Protein backbone atom coordinates (compact mmCIF):
# COMPACT_ATOMS: atom_id res chain seq x y z
CA UNK A 1 23.71 8.52 -11.42
CA UNK A 2 21.07 10.64 -13.10
CA UNK A 3 19.46 13.08 -10.67
CA UNK A 4 15.92 11.98 -11.57
CA UNK A 5 16.78 8.32 -11.11
CA UNK A 6 18.36 9.09 -7.75
CA UNK A 7 15.19 10.94 -6.71
CA UNK A 8 13.00 7.98 -7.74
CA UNK A 9 15.23 5.61 -5.80
CA UNK A 10 15.19 7.81 -2.70
CA UNK A 11 11.42 8.34 -2.88
CA UNK A 12 10.78 4.62 -3.22
CA UNK A 13 13.14 3.85 -0.35
CA UNK A 14 11.18 6.30 1.82
CA UNK A 15 7.87 4.67 0.86
CA UNK A 16 9.25 1.19 1.50
CA UNK A 17 10.73 2.24 4.84
CA UNK A 18 7.31 3.58 5.84
CA UNK A 19 5.74 0.29 4.77
CA UNK A 20 8.29 -1.67 6.81
CA UNK A 21 7.55 0.54 9.82
CA UNK A 22 3.82 -0.06 9.36
CA UNK A 23 4.38 -3.82 9.18
CA UNK A 24 6.43 -3.67 12.37
CA UNK A 25 3.70 -1.69 14.13
CA UNK A 26 1.01 -4.11 12.97
CA UNK A 27 3.11 -7.10 14.08
CA UNK A 28 3.58 -5.53 17.51
CA UNK A 29 -0.14 -4.79 17.87
CA UNK A 30 -1.09 -8.33 16.92
CA UNK A 31 1.55 -9.86 19.22
CA UNK A 32 0.18 -7.97 22.22
CA UNK A 33 -3.48 -8.38 21.29
CA UNK A 34 -4.15 -11.80 22.79
CA UNK A 35 -3.09 -10.64 26.24
CA UNK A 36 -5.04 -7.38 26.15
CA UNK A 37 -8.26 -6.79 28.00
CA UNK A 38 -11.51 -6.66 26.10
CA UNK A 39 -11.61 -2.87 26.47
CA UNK A 40 -8.05 -2.57 25.16
CA UNK A 41 -8.92 -4.79 22.19
CA UNK A 42 -12.01 -2.71 21.44
CA UNK A 43 -9.85 0.41 21.50
CA UNK A 44 -7.29 -1.16 19.17
CA UNK A 45 -10.01 -2.25 16.76
CA UNK A 46 -11.51 1.23 16.79
CA UNK A 47 -8.07 2.72 16.10
CA UNK A 48 -7.45 0.26 13.26
CA UNK A 49 -10.88 1.02 11.76
CA UNK A 50 -10.06 4.73 11.91
CA UNK A 51 -6.75 4.15 10.09
CA UNK A 52 -8.48 2.17 7.37
CA UNK A 53 -11.21 4.79 7.00
CA UNK A 54 -8.68 7.64 7.04
CA UNK A 55 -6.71 6.16 4.19
CA UNK A 56 -9.73 5.22 2.08
CA UNK A 57 -9.39 8.25 -0.20
CA UNK A 58 -5.69 7.46 -0.71
CA UNK A 59 -6.60 3.85 -1.44
CA UNK A 60 -9.26 4.87 -3.96
CA UNK A 61 -6.86 7.28 -5.68
CA UNK A 62 -4.08 4.68 -5.75
CA UNK A 63 -6.43 2.05 -7.19
CA UNK A 64 -7.61 4.47 -9.87
CA UNK A 65 -4.03 5.40 -10.79
CA UNK A 66 -2.97 1.76 -10.88
CA UNK A 67 -5.92 0.80 -13.06
CA UNK A 68 -5.32 3.72 -15.43
CA UNK A 69 -1.68 2.76 -15.66
CA UNK A 70 -2.53 -0.83 -16.56
CA UNK A 71 -4.95 0.36 -19.24
CA UNK A 72 -2.33 2.66 -20.75
CA UNK A 73 0.27 -0.09 -20.63
CA UNK A 74 -1.91 -2.22 -22.89
CA UNK A 75 -1.58 0.44 -25.58
CA UNK A 76 2.20 0.67 -25.28
CA UNK A 77 3.73 -2.12 -27.28
CA UNK A 78 7.42 -2.89 -27.11
CA UNK A 79 7.68 -1.88 -30.75
CA UNK A 80 6.12 1.51 -30.02
CA UNK A 81 8.49 2.12 -27.12
CA UNK A 82 11.49 1.09 -29.21
CA UNK A 83 10.25 3.52 -31.88
CA UNK A 84 10.08 6.33 -29.33
CA UNK A 85 13.64 5.57 -28.24
CA UNK A 86 14.91 5.35 -31.82
CA UNK A 87 13.12 8.55 -32.85
CA UNK A 88 14.06 10.28 -29.60
CA UNK A 89 10.46 11.13 -28.75
CA UNK A 90 11.45 12.55 -25.38
CA UNK A 91 7.99 13.78 -24.38
CA UNK A 92 6.46 10.32 -24.84
CA UNK A 93 9.32 8.61 -23.03
CA UNK A 94 9.17 11.09 -20.14
CA UNK A 95 5.38 10.72 -19.89
CA UNK A 96 5.85 6.94 -19.77
CA UNK A 97 8.51 7.29 -17.05
CA UNK A 98 6.24 9.61 -15.02
CA UNK A 99 3.35 7.14 -15.28
CA UNK A 100 5.57 4.23 -14.25
CA UNK A 101 6.84 6.22 -11.25
CA UNK A 102 3.27 7.10 -10.21
CA UNK A 103 2.30 3.45 -10.59
CA UNK A 104 5.14 2.33 -8.33
CA UNK A 105 4.05 4.75 -5.61
CA UNK A 106 0.40 3.73 -6.01
CA UNK A 107 1.24 0.06 -5.59
CA UNK A 108 3.18 0.78 -2.38
CA UNK A 109 0.22 2.81 -1.05
CA UNK A 110 -2.02 -0.16 -1.80
CA UNK A 111 0.40 -2.49 -0.03
CA UNK A 112 0.40 -0.33 3.09
CA UNK A 113 -3.39 -0.14 3.05
CA UNK A 114 -3.51 -3.94 2.77
CA UNK A 115 -1.31 -4.14 5.88
CA UNK A 116 -3.72 -1.87 7.74
CA UNK A 117 -6.72 -3.93 6.65
CA UNK A 118 -4.90 -7.14 7.61
CA UNK A 119 -4.18 -5.73 11.06
CA UNK A 120 -7.85 -4.84 11.54
CA UNK A 121 -9.00 -8.26 10.32
CA UNK A 122 -6.54 -10.03 12.63
CA UNK A 123 -7.66 -8.02 15.65
CA UNK A 124 -11.28 -8.79 14.85
CA UNK A 125 -10.43 -12.48 14.45
CA UNK A 126 -8.71 -12.54 17.83
CA UNK A 127 -11.72 -10.93 19.50
CA UNK A 128 -14.03 -13.42 17.80
CA UNK A 129 -11.86 -16.34 18.95
CA UNK A 130 -11.78 -14.97 22.51
CA UNK A 131 -15.58 -14.67 22.46
CA UNK A 132 -15.89 -18.27 21.26
CA UNK A 133 -13.47 -19.55 23.90
CA UNK A 134 -15.22 -17.57 26.64
CA UNK A 135 -18.56 -19.05 25.60
CA UNK A 136 -17.10 -22.55 26.09
CA UNK A 137 -16.01 -21.77 29.64
């Protein structure tokens, strides 16, 4: 297999493995949340808020890259790409491949950030539900 293709595959597998790990961590946090004390829940929410805030610059950069990619894709017609292949316009094809690779990474970064935001939202929802139930008692 081409060395560059192998690198892309390995890089994406690393990103996806990190995303799977993050999902597992979020699942574990949410599973344990309902039985935690109020102080423990507050600490978990604070930690989740910090994670979301910490990754905000990555999220913003990933969104910008993804949006730029989508705009550039509009300009690339199938006919143009076929022309590049036929005419062996290597620079254009490599630039397209680089952009597509960056886009793939950006989308995974956005997916991981969505997991972090979902974890925070779930923790906040649990605390809100506990508050409502406690008010009934």
